[in-house]
Amino acid sequence: MKRILCIIGFLIPAFTLFAQESVKALVHELKDKDSKKVIVVSHRGDWRNAPENSLQACKNCIEMGVDMIEIDLKKTKDNQLVLMHDQTIDRTTDGKGSPSCYTLEELRKFHLKNGLGRPTFHQIPTLEEMLELAKGKIMINIDKGYDYFKEVYALLVKTGTIDQVVIKSGRSYQKVKAENGDVLDKVIYMPIINLNAPNAGEMIDAYKVMKPVAIECCFSEVTPEVLRLLKKVRNNGSKIWLNSLWPSLNGGHDDDRAVELEQTDASWGWLIEQGASLIQTDRPHELINYLQKKDRK
């Protein structure tokens, strides 16, 4: 028995060290401009098999081999940051109202719903709980959370997860820099730009001084200007993040086309041809399999 316990005691820290090294390697891949690896980002975690924005959705992604999960934030009445996409908890829990109307303790009384809209035993997690779970295992992208930028930064420092979290927003460089100052230089920040917008080129050029590790590019229609702007992003020194979630984000090169119509090359393959180094998906398992076959994972 003592021998078994000694072996277990040796394996646990060894596994933890291995996981941490894996995340370090992933962060290196993210920042390596010459890397051919396509980073898989799972939208709200593995929401098809667990409640969206839940700890279980993150655990599933870790086991699946996902590189990064996307999460959303709201604040409670007692100023706790929790994972929630909507302005209310109506759709995703068996409760009603805004998260800001409840304390964290009160929110804990509600249960997250699964994809069928049925309540589960899962509770709304805090950002700190998610960071502790993900630490050394998987990267996190905070989407709807810019309004809490400095509070998020404080939690990243507290949990030691600064290097594995990406914060993003659709605001201009001037506004982001003015609002966050030096903190902006201490985190991995990524802008979101609608390439169909008239000022898309100006926004891309404004961020050139910062040279973000990646820019999330959205477009409902593929035009010569969109293709030109994608090249501009790469030429300015940033990687390209594309979304395959639904057609209006990628000009029709989406997850359902890949999986249900079995047109993987015309969807995910097309995104990669346009220079995508990160793809956010609602079909993480299938995308991972596709990338492995293409030797891009």
Protein backbone atom coordinates (compact mmCIF):
# COMPACT_ATOMS: atom_id res chain seq x y z
CA MET A 1 0.00 0.00 0.00
CA LYS A 2 2.81 2.41 0.91
CA ARG A 3 4.46 1.64 -2.41
CA ILE A 4 1.24 2.44 -4.30
CA LEU A 5 0.78 5.69 -2.40
CA CYS A 6 4.37 6.69 -3.16
CA ILE A 7 3.81 6.05 -6.86
CA ILE A 8 0.59 8.09 -6.84
CA GLY A 9 2.34 10.86 -4.94
CA PHE A 10 5.02 10.93 -7.62
CA LEU A 11 2.61 10.80 -10.56
CA ILE A 12 0.31 13.67 -9.47
CA PRO A 13 2.98 16.41 -9.46
CA ALA A 14 4.51 14.91 -12.62
CA PHE A 15 1.14 15.11 -14.38
CA THR A 16 0.63 18.69 -13.18
CA LEU A 17 4.06 19.68 -14.47
CA PHE A 18 3.33 18.01 -17.81
CA ALA A 19 0.02 19.92 -18.12
CA GLN A 20 1.71 23.22 -17.31
CA GLU A 21 4.41 22.57 -19.89
CA SER A 22 1.69 21.74 -22.44
CA VAL A 23 0.03 25.11 -21.87
CA LYS A 24 3.39 26.88 -22.13
CA ALA A 25 3.94 25.15 -25.46
CA LEU A 26 0.48 26.23 -26.60
CA VAL A 27 1.12 29.86 -25.64
CA HIS A 28 4.39 29.65 -27.55
CA GLU A 29 2.48 28.36 -30.60
CA LEU A 30 0.02 31.24 -30.28
CA LYS A 31 2.81 33.80 -30.31
CA ASP A 32 4.90 32.05 -32.97
CA LYS A 33 4.13 33.80 -36.27
CA ASP A 34 5.60 30.90 -38.26
CA SER A 35 3.62 28.13 -36.57
CA LYS A 36 1.37 26.06 -38.85
CA LYS A 37 -0.73 24.83 -35.95
CA VAL A 38 -4.39 25.89 -35.98
CA ILE A 39 -5.60 26.62 -32.47
CA VAL A 40 -9.08 25.24 -31.72
CA VAL A 41 -11.30 27.50 -29.63
CA SER A 42 -14.51 25.97 -28.27
CA HIS A 43 -17.42 28.43 -28.10
CA ARG A 44 -18.78 28.59 -24.50
CA GLY A 45 -17.01 25.30 -23.82
CA ASP A 46 -18.44 21.93 -24.84
CA TRP A 47 -22.02 23.19 -24.66
CA ARG A 48 -23.48 20.28 -26.60
CA ASN A 49 -22.58 17.86 -23.80
CA ALA A 50 -22.66 20.18 -20.78
CA PRO A 51 -24.28 23.50 -19.86
CA GLU A 52 -22.64 26.43 -21.65
CA ASN A 53 -20.15 28.47 -19.63
CA SER A 54 -19.97 25.74 -16.99
CA LEU A 55 -17.01 24.09 -15.29
CA GLN A 56 -18.08 20.76 -16.80
CA ALA A 57 -18.05 22.30 -20.29
CA CYS A 58 -14.43 23.28 -19.65
CA LYS A 59 -13.51 19.86 -18.23
CA ASN A 60 -14.91 18.18 -21.34
CA CYS A 61 -12.79 20.45 -23.56
CA ILE A 62 -9.64 19.66 -21.58
CA GLU A 63 -10.25 15.92 -22.01
CA MET A 64 -11.04 16.44 -25.72
CA GLY A 65 -7.76 18.20 -26.42
CA VAL A 66 -9.24 21.63 -27.16
CA ASP A 67 -6.67 24.43 -27.01
CA MET A 68 -8.85 27.27 -25.74
CA ILE A 69 -12.39 27.86 -24.50
CA GLU A 70 -14.41 31.03 -24.97
CA ILE A 71 -16.38 32.34 -21.98
CA ASP A 72 -18.57 35.34 -21.12
CA LEU A 73 -18.82 37.39 -17.93
CA LYS A 74 -21.40 39.23 -15.87
CA LYS A 75 -21.20 40.77 -12.38
CA THR A 76 -23.33 39.92 -9.34
CA LYS A 77 -24.94 42.30 -6.87
CA ASP A 78 -21.96 41.78 -4.54
CA ASN A 79 -19.42 42.43 -7.33
CA GLN A 80 -18.42 38.85 -8.10
CA LEU A 81 -17.55 38.01 -11.72
CA VAL A 82 -19.52 34.97 -12.92
CA LEU A 83 -19.80 33.14 -16.23
CA MET A 84 -22.95 34.13 -18.10
CA HIS A 85 -23.57 35.14 -21.71
CA ASP A 86 -26.99 36.77 -21.61
CA GLN A 87 -28.11 39.90 -19.78
CA THR A 88 -30.42 37.66 -17.75
CA ILE A 89 -30.21 34.12 -16.38
CA ASP A 90 -33.61 33.18 -17.86
CA ARG A 91 -32.40 31.11 -20.84
CA THR A 92 -29.50 29.28 -19.23
CA THR A 93 -30.82 28.59 -15.69
CA ASP A 94 -34.04 27.80 -13.84
CA GLY A 95 -33.99 31.33 -12.42
CA LYS A 96 -35.17 34.70 -13.69
CA GLY A 97 -33.66 38.19 -13.90
CA SER A 98 -30.28 39.85 -14.21
CA PRO A 99 -27.18 38.44 -12.46
CA SER A 100 -26.69 41.92 -10.99
CA CYS A 101 -29.95 41.50 -9.04
CA TYR A 102 -28.48 38.63 -7.02
CA THR A 103 -25.56 38.05 -4.70
CA LEU A 104 -23.29 35.13 -5.56
CA GLU A 105 -24.82 33.10 -2.74
CA GLU A 106 -28.29 33.72 -4.13
CA LEU A 107 -27.20 32.79 -7.66
CA ARG A 108 -25.85 29.47 -6.36
CA LYS A 109 -29.44 28.41 -5.65
CA PHE A 110 -30.19 28.24 -9.37
CA HIS A 111 -29.18 25.45 -11.73
CA LEU A 112 -27.71 25.68 -15.22
CA LYS A 113 -29.74 24.17 -18.06
CA ASN A 114 -28.43 21.74 -20.63
CA GLY A 115 -28.80 22.08 -24.40
CA LEU A 116 -32.38 20.80 -24.22
CA GLY A 117 -33.32 23.49 -21.73
CA ARG A 118 -33.55 21.09 -18.80
CA PRO A 119 -32.10 22.06 -15.39
CA THR A 120 -29.00 20.16 -14.28
CA PHE A 121 -27.14 19.97 -10.97
CA HIS A 122 -24.48 22.39 -12.28
CA GLN A 123 -24.23 25.87 -10.77
CA ILE A 124 -23.13 29.19 -12.25
CA PRO A 125 -19.33 29.32 -11.77
CA THR A 126 -17.23 32.33 -10.87
CA LEU A 127 -14.43 33.49 -13.12
CA GLU A 128 -11.94 32.65 -10.37
CA GLU A 129 -13.22 29.05 -10.23
CA MET A 130 -12.86 28.74 -13.99
CA LEU A 131 -9.34 30.16 -13.92
CA GLU A 132 -8.29 27.72 -11.20
CA LEU A 133 -9.76 24.81 -13.16
CA ALA A 134 -8.08 25.86 -16.41
CA LYS A 135 -4.71 26.75 -14.90
CA GLY A 136 -1.96 24.82 -16.61
CA LYS A 137 -4.48 22.85 -18.69
CA ILE A 138 -6.21 25.00 -21.30
CA MET A 139 -6.26 28.60 -22.52
CA ILE A 140 -9.25 30.88 -21.95
CA ASN A 141 -10.70 33.58 -24.15
CA ILE A 142 -12.86 36.15 -22.37
CA ASP A 143 -15.34 37.50 -24.89
CA LYS A 144 -18.13 39.46 -23.18
CA GLY A 145 -16.01 40.76 -20.32
CA TYR A 146 -14.21 43.88 -21.50
CA ASP A 147 -16.25 46.07 -19.12
CA TYR A 148 -14.46 44.34 -16.23
CA PHE A 149 -10.97 44.55 -17.77
CA LYS A 150 -9.05 45.64 -14.66
CA GLU A 151 -11.00 43.35 -12.35
CA VAL A 152 -10.25 40.44 -14.66
CA TYR A 153 -6.58 41.42 -14.65
CA ALA A 154 -6.55 41.36 -10.83
CA LEU A 155 -7.92 37.80 -10.86
CA LEU A 156 -5.37 36.74 -13.48
CA VAL A 157 -2.62 37.97 -11.19
CA LYS A 158 -4.20 36.27 -8.17
CA THR A 159 -4.53 32.91 -9.93
CA GLY A 160 -1.28 33.10 -11.89
CA THR A 161 -3.03 32.73 -15.25
CA ILE A 162 -2.03 35.93 -17.08
CA ASP A 163 -0.16 34.09 -19.83
CA GLN A 164 -3.00 31.73 -20.72
CA VAL A 165 -5.94 34.16 -20.98
CA VAL A 166 -6.95 36.24 -24.00
CA ILE A 167 -9.16 39.29 -23.47
CA LYS A 168 -10.93 40.80 -26.48
CA SER A 169 -13.29 43.57 -27.55
CA GLY A 170 -14.58 45.35 -30.63
CA ARG A 171 -13.43 48.77 -29.48
CA SER A 172 -10.86 50.95 -31.23
CA TYR A 173 -7.22 50.91 -30.19
CA GLN A 174 -7.38 54.51 -29.03
CA LYS A 175 -10.32 53.80 -26.72
CA VAL A 176 -8.88 50.57 -25.32
CA LYS A 177 -5.51 52.18 -24.65
CA ALA A 178 -7.07 55.26 -23.02
CA GLU A 179 -9.28 53.15 -20.75
CA ASN A 180 -6.72 50.56 -19.67
CA GLY A 181 -3.29 52.19 -19.96
CA ASP A 182 -0.38 50.04 -18.86
CA VAL A 183 -2.62 47.08 -17.98
CA LEU A 184 -3.17 46.58 -21.70
CA ASP A 185 0.52 45.78 -22.10
CA LYS A 186 0.42 43.15 -19.36
CA VAL A 187 -2.23 40.87 -20.83
CA ILE A 188 -2.90 39.10 -24.13
CA TYR A 189 -5.42 41.43 -25.76
CA MET A 190 -7.15 40.78 -29.08
CA PRO A 191 -9.37 43.18 -31.05
CA ILE A 192 -12.52 42.11 -32.90
CA ILE A 193 -13.06 43.76 -36.29
CA ASN A 194 -15.97 43.46 -38.71
CA LEU A 195 -14.26 43.38 -42.09
CA ASN A 196 -17.46 44.43 -43.86
CA ALA A 197 -17.51 47.71 -41.89
CA PRO A 198 -16.39 50.89 -43.73
CA ASN A 199 -13.73 51.66 -41.11
CA ALA A 200 -12.29 48.14 -40.89
CA GLY A 201 -9.02 49.06 -42.59
CA GLU A 202 -8.52 52.06 -40.31
CA MET A 203 -9.08 49.91 -37.21
CA ILE A 204 -6.56 47.34 -38.41
CA ASP A 205 -3.94 50.01 -39.08
CA ALA A 206 -4.57 51.69 -35.71
CA TYR A 207 -3.75 48.42 -33.94
CA LYS A 208 -0.51 48.06 -35.91
CA VAL A 209 1.39 50.02 -33.25
CA MET A 210 0.32 47.44 -30.65
CA LYS A 211 0.77 44.44 -32.96
CA PRO A 212 -1.75 42.19 -31.16
CA VAL A 213 -0.96 38.48 -31.27
CA ALA A 214 -4.17 37.97 -33.28
CA ILE A 215 -7.20 39.84 -34.60
CA GLU A 216 -10.66 38.30 -34.68
CA CYS A 217 -12.06 38.95 -38.14
CA CYS A 218 -15.79 38.70 -38.85
CA PHE A 219 -17.60 39.08 -42.19
CA SER A 220 -21.05 38.12 -43.39
CA GLU A 221 -20.05 38.46 -47.05
CA VAL A 222 -16.81 37.52 -48.77
CA THR A 223 -15.65 40.40 -50.97
CA PRO A 224 -12.32 41.37 -52.57
CA GLU A 225 -11.99 43.97 -49.79
CA VAL A 226 -12.42 41.30 -47.09
CA LEU A 227 -9.68 39.18 -48.67
CA ARG A 228 -7.43 42.24 -48.91
CA LEU A 229 -7.99 43.10 -45.25
CA LEU A 230 -7.19 39.54 -44.15
CA LYS A 231 -3.82 39.91 -45.90
CA LYS A 232 -3.34 43.29 -44.23
CA VAL A 233 -3.80 41.71 -40.80
CA ARG A 234 -1.07 39.17 -41.54
CA ASN A 235 1.22 41.78 -43.09
CA ASN A 236 0.84 43.93 -39.97
CA GLY A 237 2.22 41.09 -37.87
CA SER A 238 -0.91 39.60 -36.30
CA LYS A 239 -2.45 36.17 -36.65
CA ILE A 240 -6.01 35.71 -37.88
CA TRP A 241 -8.83 34.39 -35.69
CA LEU A 242 -11.89 33.26 -37.67
CA ASN A 243 -15.23 31.97 -36.42
CA SER A 244 -16.96 28.97 -37.96
CA LEU A 245 -19.97 29.25 -35.62
CA TRP A 246 -22.66 30.38 -38.08
CA PRO A 247 -22.70 31.69 -41.68
CA SER A 248 -23.00 35.43 -40.92
CA LEU A 249 -19.60 35.39 -39.20
CA ASN A 250 -17.66 33.79 -42.05
CA GLY A 251 -19.48 34.32 -45.33
CA GLY A 252 -21.04 30.85 -45.27
CA HIS A 253 -17.99 28.78 -44.30
CA ASP A 254 -19.46 27.45 -41.06
CA ASP A 255 -19.55 24.41 -38.77
CA ASP A 256 -22.89 23.03 -39.97
CA ARG A 257 -21.71 23.13 -43.56
CA ALA A 258 -18.63 21.19 -42.51
CA VAL A 259 -20.41 18.57 -40.41
CA GLU A 260 -23.97 18.23 -41.69
CA LEU A 261 -23.23 18.79 -45.38
CA GLU A 262 -19.83 17.07 -45.04
CA GLN A 263 -18.11 19.97 -46.82
CA THR A 264 -15.15 20.27 -44.48
CA ASP A 265 -12.72 21.60 -47.09
CA ALA A 266 -15.23 24.20 -48.28
CA SER A 267 -15.76 25.42 -44.72
CA TRP A 268 -12.86 24.83 -42.32
CA GLY A 269 -10.43 24.27 -45.17
CA TRP A 270 -11.43 27.58 -46.74
CA LEU A 271 -10.90 29.41 -43.44
CA ILE A 272 -7.41 27.95 -43.17
CA GLU A 273 -6.66 28.96 -46.77
CA GLN A 274 -7.47 32.54 -45.80
CA GLY A 275 -4.81 32.37 -43.10
CA ALA A 276 -6.77 31.35 -40.01
CA SER A 277 -4.42 30.40 -37.17
CA LEU A 278 -7.29 30.22 -34.66
CA ILE A 279 -10.78 28.90 -35.35
CA GLN A 280 -13.63 29.29 -32.90
CA THR A 281 -16.11 26.46 -33.31
CA ASP A 282 -19.27 24.85 -31.96
CA ARG A 283 -17.98 21.49 -33.24
CA PRO A 284 -14.62 21.12 -31.43
CA HIS A 285 -14.38 17.32 -31.65
CA GLU A 286 -14.99 17.24 -35.40
CA LEU A 287 -12.68 20.19 -36.07
CA ILE A 288 -9.86 18.55 -34.10
CA ASN A 289 -10.24 15.37 -36.15
CA TYR A 290 -10.17 17.38 -39.38
CA LEU A 291 -7.03 19.29 -38.39
CA GLN A 292 -5.26 16.11 -37.33
CA LYS A 293 -5.92 14.60 -40.76
CA LYS A 294 -4.50 17.74 -42.36
CA ASP A 295 -1.49 17.71 -39.99
CA ARG A 296 -2.46 21.14 -38.67
CA LYS A 297 -3.17 20.21 -35.05
